[in-house]
Amino acid sequence: MDYKNDGFGQPDDTNEETDKIQKKDDAYNVSFYIIFSDKFMRKYTVFNSFKEMLEKSGLKIETEEDFEKISDYELDLFIRNNSDFDSWEELVQEAVNNHYAEELGL
């Protein structure tokens, strides 16, 4: 079996799990409400849902633009005080990992 790698592109031979992930990723962009399932929120935060977290954050978040305007410091502080993570980025990464693990049955 030959293996060809052109840098960071996909190798010629990909496995079934990689194909599943790519198809799912191509099919839709996953909403925060899906990534941050109620199960995930109860396990890793003090909230029962992503909606509850937004409501109790005290931050005005009604649109994607509102979300992008929030300072990293303010958001990270809120996450640090209300979850098992030190930053928004860590929370998102764990949520994404959990979501795809569940989708793939891992």
C-alpha atoms as a PDB file:
ATOM      1  CA  MET A   1       0.000   0.000   0.000  1.00  0.00           C
ATOM      2  CA  ASP A   2       1.401   3.378  -1.001  1.00  0.00           C
ATOM      3  CA  TYR A   3       0.972   6.445   1.126  1.00  0.00           C
ATOM      4  CA  LYS A   4       1.222   9.819  -0.500  1.00  0.00           C
ATOM      5  CA  ASN A   5       1.136  13.011   1.488  1.00  0.00           C
ATOM      6  CA  ASP A   6       1.165  16.398  -0.179  1.00  0.00           C
ATOM      7  CA  GLY A   7       1.731  18.426   2.969  1.00  0.00           C
ATOM      8  CA  PHE A   8      -1.397  19.044   4.986  1.00  0.00           C
ATOM      9  CA  GLY A   9      -3.830  17.747   2.377  1.00  0.00           C
ATOM     10  CA  GLN A  10      -5.629  14.446   2.710  1.00  0.00           C
ATOM     11  CA  PRO A  11      -3.647  11.274   2.052  1.00  0.00           C
ATOM     12  CA  ASP A  12      -4.700   9.147  -0.909  1.00  0.00           C
ATOM     13  CA  ASP A  13      -6.117   6.478   1.427  1.00  0.00           C
ATOM     14  CA  THR A  14      -8.614   7.762   3.982  1.00  0.00           C
ATOM     15  CA  ASN A  15     -10.441   5.650   6.493  1.00  0.00           C
ATOM     16  CA  GLU A  16     -14.169   5.254   6.949  1.00  0.00           C
ATOM     17  CA  GLU A  17     -14.328   7.494  10.031  1.00  0.00           C
ATOM     18  CA  THR A  18     -12.588  10.324   8.190  1.00  0.00           C
ATOM     19  CA  ASP A  19     -15.066  10.000   5.340  1.00  0.00           C
ATOM     20  CA  LYS A  20     -17.990  10.151   7.792  1.00  0.00           C
ATOM     21  CA  ILE A  21     -16.651  13.302   9.401  1.00  0.00           C
ATOM     22  CA  GLN A  22     -16.058  14.991   6.052  1.00  0.00           C
ATOM     23  CA  LYS A  23     -19.558  14.155   4.804  1.00  0.00           C
ATOM     24  CA  LYS A  24     -21.149  15.476   7.968  1.00  0.00           C
ATOM     25  CA  ASP A  25     -18.997  18.592   7.886  1.00  0.00           C
ATOM     26  CA  ASP A  26     -19.879  19.209   4.249  1.00  0.00           C
ATOM     27  CA  ALA A  27     -23.582  18.635   4.898  1.00  0.00           C
ATOM     28  CA  TYR A  28     -24.063  21.378   7.459  1.00  0.00           C
ATOM     29  CA  ASN A  29     -22.435  23.873   9.753  1.00  0.00           C
ATOM     30  CA  VAL A  30     -23.278  22.749  13.239  1.00  0.00           C
ATOM     31  CA  SER A  31     -25.214  25.212  15.377  1.00  0.00           C
ATOM     32  CA  PHE A  32     -24.035  26.058  18.886  1.00  0.00           C
ATOM     33  CA  TYR A  33     -27.372  24.666  20.074  1.00  0.00           C
ATOM     34  CA  ILE A  34     -26.380  21.269  18.646  1.00  0.00           C
ATOM     35  CA  ILE A  35     -22.730  21.368  19.708  1.00  0.00           C
ATOM     36  CA  PHE A  36     -23.683  22.490  23.218  1.00  0.00           C
ATOM     37  CA  SER A  37     -26.271  19.803  23.875  1.00  0.00           C
ATOM     38  CA  ASP A  38     -28.145  19.857  27.168  1.00  0.00           C
ATOM     39  CA  LYS A  39     -26.217  16.736  28.179  1.00  0.00           C
ATOM     40  CA  PHE A  40     -22.895  18.479  27.513  1.00  0.00           C
ATOM     41  CA  MET A  41     -23.960  21.635  29.338  1.00  0.00           C
ATOM     42  CA  ARG A  42     -25.089  19.729  32.440  1.00  0.00           C
ATOM     43  CA  LYS A  43     -21.856  17.741  32.528  1.00  0.00           C
ATOM     44  CA  TYR A  44     -19.364  20.581  32.034  1.00  0.00           C
ATOM     45  CA  THR A  45     -21.133  23.765  33.188  1.00  0.00           C
ATOM     46  CA  VAL A  46     -23.456  24.995  35.922  1.00  0.00           C
ATOM     47  CA  PHE A  47     -26.211  25.381  33.313  1.00  0.00           C
ATOM     48  CA  ASN A  48     -28.860  22.993  31.998  1.00  0.00           C
ATOM     49  CA  SER A  49     -28.724  24.296  28.434  1.00  0.00           C
ATOM     50  CA  PHE A  50     -26.843  26.606  26.095  1.00  0.00           C
ATOM     51  CA  LYS A  51     -29.875  28.904  26.054  1.00  0.00           C
ATOM     52  CA  GLU A  52     -29.779  29.151  29.854  1.00  0.00           C
ATOM     53  CA  MET A  53     -26.072  29.972  29.749  1.00  0.00           C
ATOM     54  CA  LEU A  54     -26.695  32.814  27.297  1.00  0.00           C
ATOM     55  CA  GLU A  55     -29.598  34.152  29.345  1.00  0.00           C
ATOM     56  CA  LYS A  56     -27.669  34.096  32.618  1.00  0.00           C
ATOM     57  CA  SER A  57     -24.453  35.459  31.160  1.00  0.00           C
ATOM     58  CA  GLY A  58     -25.665  39.032  31.474  1.00  0.00           C
ATOM     59  CA  LEU A  59     -24.267  39.592  27.999  1.00  0.00           C
ATOM     60  CA  LYS A  60     -26.490  40.821  25.183  1.00  0.00           C
ATOM     61  CA  ILE A  61     -26.229  37.990  22.675  1.00  0.00           C
ATOM     62  CA  GLU A  62     -29.031  37.917  20.137  1.00  0.00           C
ATOM     63  CA  THR A  63     -27.073  37.646  16.905  1.00  0.00           C
ATOM     64  CA  GLU A  64     -23.754  36.311  15.703  1.00  0.00           C
ATOM     65  CA  GLU A  65     -22.553  39.911  15.474  1.00  0.00           C
ATOM     66  CA  ASP A  66     -23.414  40.478  19.156  1.00  0.00           C
ATOM     67  CA  PHE A  67     -21.409  37.406  20.049  1.00  0.00           C
ATOM     68  CA  GLU A  68     -18.394  38.553  18.041  1.00  0.00           C
ATOM     69  CA  LYS A  69     -18.406  41.936  19.820  1.00  0.00           C
ATOM     70  CA  ILE A  70     -17.898  40.397  23.279  1.00  0.00           C
ATOM     71  CA  SER A  71     -14.372  40.797  24.577  1.00  0.00           C
ATOM     72  CA  ASP A  72     -12.369  37.583  24.896  1.00  0.00           C
ATOM     73  CA  TYR A  73     -11.495  38.527  28.466  1.00  0.00           C
ATOM     74  CA  GLU A  74     -15.137  38.978  29.485  1.00  0.00           C
ATOM     75  CA  LEU A  75     -16.239  35.737  27.840  1.00  0.00           C
ATOM     76  CA  ASP A  76     -13.302  33.720  29.199  1.00  0.00           C
ATOM     77  CA  LEU A  77     -13.949  35.042  32.701  1.00  0.00           C
ATOM     78  CA  PHE A  78     -17.598  33.998  32.488  1.00  0.00           C
ATOM     79  CA  ILE A  79     -16.636  30.530  31.212  1.00  0.00           C
ATOM     80  CA  ARG A  80     -13.940  30.115  33.875  1.00  0.00           C
ATOM     81  CA  ASN A  81     -16.430  30.969  36.638  1.00  0.00           C
ATOM     82  CA  ASN A  82     -19.250  28.772  35.335  1.00  0.00           C
ATOM     83  CA  SER A  83     -17.684  25.709  33.743  1.00  0.00           C
ATOM     84  CA  ASP A  84     -14.867  23.177  33.945  1.00  0.00           C
ATOM     85  CA  PHE A  85     -12.857  25.200  31.398  1.00  0.00           C
ATOM     86  CA  ASP A  86     -10.536  28.183  31.520  1.00  0.00           C
ATOM     87  CA  SER A  87     -11.661  29.741  28.247  1.00  0.00           C
ATOM     88  CA  TRP A  88     -14.393  29.884  25.639  1.00  0.00           C
ATOM     89  CA  GLU A  89     -12.017  28.242  23.154  1.00  0.00           C
ATOM     90  CA  GLU A  90     -11.480  25.238  25.465  1.00  0.00           C
ATOM     91  CA  LEU A  91     -15.226  24.889  26.010  1.00  0.00           C
ATOM     92  CA  VAL A  92     -15.920  24.972  22.272  1.00  0.00           C
ATOM     93  CA  GLN A  93     -13.162  22.462  21.495  1.00  0.00           C
ATOM     94  CA  GLU A  94     -14.489  19.964  24.032  1.00  0.00           C
ATOM     95  CA  ALA A  95     -18.056  20.437  22.790  1.00  0.00           C
ATOM     96  CA  VAL A  96     -16.995  19.835  19.182  1.00  0.00           C
ATOM     97  CA  ASN A  97     -14.987  16.753  20.175  1.00  0.00           C
ATOM     98  CA  ASN A  98     -17.948  15.370  22.133  1.00  0.00           C
ATOM     99  CA  HIS A  99     -20.394  16.089  19.335  1.00  0.00           C
ATOM    100  CA  TYR A 100     -18.377  14.310  16.660  1.00  0.00           C
ATOM    101  CA  ALA A 101     -17.533  11.406  18.970  1.00  0.00           C
ATOM    102  CA  GLU A 102     -21.261  10.883  19.534  1.00  0.00           C
ATOM    103  CA  GLU A 103     -22.020  11.259  15.819  1.00  0.00           C
ATOM    104  CA  LEU A 104     -19.428   8.592  15.012  1.00  0.00           C
ATOM    105  CA  GLY A 105     -20.479   6.329  17.862  1.00  0.00           C
ATOM    106  CA  LEU A 106     -17.110   6.506  19.594  1.00  0.00           C
END
